[in-house]
């Protein structure tokens, strides 16, 4: 695949993700769908950011799922490669880690696919400066999301 073809595919993938996020956001606004953050009272940086940007965590997650599906469909990487990366990221959360460490590990794994995390850029920018250990609730939310992705990729 030539460089131009790769750039075109990445641009197309980003466009699909943006369109998906807009659609999901419109659906979310129209129905005011519940969010995991609605009932959380303990410290949770992800929910704080969700409120700050007025975007449901579930919508960000859906955007990442769409981006991943498009990238697999376009042949940027295989389903097995995606599964291995998601499993590696999930294993990081088995122990307390800082927000910045988790962000850096995510970028280390997906650095070759620049558009893949476009949907979560604001979150990663905000947590990138946090050297504190990740709140337990944030680890739980991320772990549950990654566990769901692992199950989906195994099908």
Protein backbone atom coordinates (compact mmCIF):
# COMPACT_ATOMS: atom_id res chain seq x y z
CA UNK A 1 0.00 0.00 0.00
CA UNK A 2 1.41 3.40 -0.96
CA UNK A 3 1.75 6.30 1.44
CA UNK A 4 -1.08 8.17 -0.30
CA UNK A 5 -3.40 5.19 0.00
CA UNK A 6 -2.64 4.89 3.71
CA UNK A 7 -3.27 8.60 4.29
CA UNK A 8 -6.54 8.33 2.36
CA UNK A 9 -7.65 5.34 4.42
CA UNK A 10 -6.75 7.04 7.69
CA UNK A 11 -8.59 10.22 6.62
CA UNK A 12 -11.61 8.12 5.63
CA UNK A 13 -11.49 6.29 8.97
CA UNK A 14 -11.33 9.58 10.88
CA UNK A 15 -14.28 10.90 8.86
CA UNK A 16 -16.34 7.83 9.71
CA UNK A 17 -15.46 8.19 13.38
CA UNK A 18 -16.43 11.87 13.42
CA UNK A 19 -19.71 11.09 11.66
CA UNK A 20 -20.35 8.27 14.12
CA UNK A 21 -19.68 10.51 17.11
CA UNK A 22 -22.00 13.19 15.77
CA UNK A 23 -24.73 10.60 15.23
CA UNK A 24 -24.21 9.02 18.65
CA UNK A 25 -24.17 12.45 20.30
CA UNK A 26 -27.40 13.42 18.57
CA UNK A 27 -29.03 10.19 19.66
CA UNK A 28 -27.70 10.71 23.18
CA UNK A 29 -29.00 14.29 23.31
CA UNK A 30 -32.36 13.34 21.88
CA UNK A 31 -33.03 10.56 24.35
CA UNK A 32 -30.87 11.66 27.28
CA UNK A 33 -29.61 8.13 27.62
CA UNK A 34 -28.30 7.13 31.03
CA UNK A 35 -24.58 7.04 31.61
CA UNK A 36 -22.38 5.12 33.99
CA UNK A 37 -21.41 8.52 35.40
CA UNK A 38 -24.98 9.37 36.43
CA UNK A 39 -24.79 7.28 39.61
CA UNK A 40 -21.13 7.71 40.53
CA UNK A 41 -20.48 9.63 43.71
CA UNK A 42 -16.88 8.55 44.39
CA UNK A 43 -13.91 10.31 42.77
CA UNK A 44 -13.78 9.57 39.05
CA UNK A 45 -11.66 11.66 36.71
CA UNK A 46 -13.25 10.14 33.59
CA UNK A 47 -16.70 11.20 34.74
CA UNK A 48 -15.38 14.65 35.67
CA UNK A 49 -14.12 15.01 32.10
CA UNK A 50 -17.37 13.62 30.72
CA UNK A 51 -19.25 16.36 32.53
CA UNK A 52 -16.68 19.00 31.53
CA UNK A 53 -17.07 18.18 27.81
CA UNK A 54 -20.77 17.29 28.08
CA UNK A 55 -20.17 13.95 26.37
CA UNK A 56 -21.21 10.58 27.74
CA UNK A 57 -18.36 8.12 28.34
CA UNK A 58 -20.40 5.57 26.43
CA UNK A 59 -20.33 7.84 23.37
CA UNK A 60 -16.54 8.11 23.54
CA UNK A 61 -16.35 4.33 23.87
CA UNK A 62 -18.68 3.88 20.89
CA UNK A 63 -16.47 6.17 18.83
CA UNK A 64 -13.41 4.11 19.70
CA UNK A 65 -15.28 0.92 18.75
CA UNK A 66 -16.25 2.44 15.39
CA UNK A 67 -12.69 3.61 14.74
CA UNK A 68 -11.34 0.16 15.57
CA UNK A 69 -13.89 -1.59 13.34
CA UNK A 70 -13.11 0.73 10.44
CA UNK A 71 -9.36 0.23 10.88
CA UNK A 72 -9.78 -3.56 10.90
CA UNK A 73 -12.13 -3.39 7.92
CA UNK A 74 -9.65 -1.24 6.01
CA UNK A 75 -6.83 -3.67 6.74
CA UNK A 76 -4.76 -1.25 8.84
CA UNK A 77 -4.34 -4.12 11.30
CA UNK A 78 -5.97 -7.47 11.97
CA UNK A 79 -8.61 -8.39 14.49
CA UNK A 80 -6.01 -10.58 16.25
CA UNK A 81 -3.58 -7.65 16.49
CA UNK A 82 -6.36 -5.48 17.94
CA UNK A 83 -7.20 -8.20 20.46
CA UNK A 84 -3.58 -8.46 21.59
CA UNK A 85 -3.32 -4.69 22.10
CA UNK A 86 -6.60 -4.48 24.02
CA UNK A 87 -5.54 -7.40 26.22
CA UNK A 88 -2.18 -5.73 26.91
CA UNK A 89 -3.87 -2.45 27.84
CA UNK A 90 -6.36 -4.28 30.04
CA UNK A 91 -3.57 -6.05 31.92
CA UNK A 92 -2.03 -2.68 32.81
CA UNK A 93 -5.15 -1.86 34.82
CA UNK A 94 -4.77 -4.90 37.08
CA UNK A 95 -2.52 -2.75 39.27
CA UNK A 96 -2.70 0.89 40.33
CA UNK A 97 -1.11 3.11 37.69
CA UNK A 98 -1.00 6.83 37.05
CA UNK A 99 -3.19 8.43 34.44
CA UNK A 100 -0.15 9.61 32.50
CA UNK A 101 1.35 6.10 32.48
CA UNK A 102 -1.85 4.58 31.10
CA UNK A 103 -2.12 7.32 28.47
CA UNK A 104 1.50 6.80 27.43
CA UNK A 105 0.98 3.05 27.12
CA UNK A 106 -2.11 3.55 24.96
CA UNK A 107 -0.16 5.87 22.68
CA UNK A 108 2.77 3.45 22.58
CA UNK A 109 0.52 0.71 21.24
CA UNK A 110 -1.49 2.78 18.76
CA UNK A 111 1.12 5.32 17.68
CA UNK A 112 1.23 3.80 14.18
CA UNK A 113 -2.47 4.63 13.68
CA UNK A 114 -2.74 8.40 14.30
CA UNK A 115 -6.47 8.80 13.66
CA UNK A 116 -7.55 5.95 15.87
CA UNK A 117 -7.72 7.92 19.11
CA UNK A 118 -9.00 11.16 17.58
CA UNK A 119 -12.33 10.67 19.33
CA UNK A 120 -10.67 10.63 22.77
CA UNK A 121 -8.05 13.35 22.23
CA UNK A 122 -9.56 15.77 24.75
CA UNK A 123 -9.61 13.08 27.43
CA UNK A 124 -6.03 12.04 26.75
CA UNK A 125 -4.87 15.66 26.74
CA UNK A 126 -6.45 16.27 30.15
CA UNK A 127 -5.26 13.07 31.81
CA UNK A 128 -1.81 13.32 30.27
CA UNK A 129 -0.67 15.73 32.94
CA UNK A 130 -1.99 13.73 35.88
CA UNK A 131 0.81 11.87 37.58
CA UNK A 132 -1.44 10.80 40.44
CA UNK A 133 -2.50 7.18 40.74
CA UNK A 134 -5.70 6.51 38.83
CA UNK A 135 -8.86 6.49 40.94
CA UNK A 136 -10.21 2.98 41.54
CA UNK A 137 -13.49 3.89 39.81
CA UNK A 138 -11.66 5.01 36.68
CA UNK A 139 -9.72 1.73 36.60
CA UNK A 140 -12.99 -0.17 37.04
CA UNK A 141 -14.73 1.71 34.21
CA UNK A 142 -11.78 1.30 31.84
CA UNK A 143 -11.36 -2.36 32.78
CA UNK A 144 -15.03 -3.11 32.12
CA UNK A 145 -14.90 -1.33 28.75
CA UNK A 146 -11.74 -3.19 27.71
CA UNK A 147 -13.17 -6.52 28.91
CA UNK A 148 -16.20 -5.93 26.67
CA UNK A 149 -13.92 -5.15 23.72
CA UNK A 150 -11.90 -8.31 24.34
CA UNK A 151 -15.08 -10.39 24.28
CA UNK A 152 -16.21 -8.71 21.07
CA UNK A 153 -12.86 -9.22 19.36
CA UNK A 154 -12.84 -12.91 20.31
CA UNK A 155 -16.06 -13.51 18.34
